């Protein structure tokens, strides 16, 4: 995204958003915590509307009937990403059926880009902060020259369960056909947004016509939003962190509460994103006994917008509980 800082106040705001980490995670022994593999795949122009359209996505009917994305697709990411990233038609061979093709999801492929990144994810808390730790190798990433400021960006999309679309479809709930770089995005910079903020959703997305102010206020009061935690990385430099909120758009939230730490060695990144368990509005206070939803994304090779790797939704609990990740106290 290109922009100019025209005033001192804008510069101060940017400084608050892009904060160098204070080193919260120094006391966490990550070697003592078991990790789980999360495979992030390249999605191309797959969108929320695409996922709901049977002619485009073979599982759309099941999804509409209540089957979540993760049920069918966790475990398939290493096959899906390499197909999508090439820009070629996607081929399918169902058991006992003839092979068939689906159209390409990538009209402008980046030559030589890997189709997925496998990350080992660990979580913990120290009674004050939540920590999300990722170890991953990016592979041989070509330079896309889309974001000259950062070589790599790591994102956690957080949902406290009050966004039904994200509970079921992860970050795809905020990715639409008319977002920047998507099929109907044109040359605009429309950011992520949540579908219930729009007056009308179509196969082409929701456009810029929002619901009435009182309806938006009700959605906000009900907690209908996603938190967006990001670590922005360059080799050999301190990580920078951003805290944003996704509602009718993706925008900076203040005060920023996320910190980030990162090291790179031998082609491997170790990245820790943290935020306080206790948090005032507009953030969610994290408490034991509640199941939260998280999704992960990685931009590699100076990419921006949709040219990233994404995971399917996972669950998170604090201290104990039935979830994919339990952030135990350390």
Foldseek 3Di string as FASTA:
>chain_A
DDDDDDDPVSVVVVPLFWDFFPPPCPPDDVVVFAWDKFKWFADAQDAPLQLCDCLQHVCNVVVVVPAFPCVPPVVCRQVVQVQQQVQQWDWDDDVPDHIDTHHHRHPDHDPPAHGIKMWTWAWAAAQWKIKIKIKTFRPDHAAPPQAPVFQKKKKKKKFLCLAVVCVRWNPSQFGFQCADPHVNVPNDHFATAHQQQAPDADSNGRPLHGDDPVSLVVCQVSVNKIWMWMWGDDAPDGIIIGIWIHHRGTDGDPSGFKHKGWHDDPRMIMIMIMGTQDDDPPDDRADAPGKMKMKMKMDHNSDDDSRITIGGIWIEGECDDPTPHYHRHD
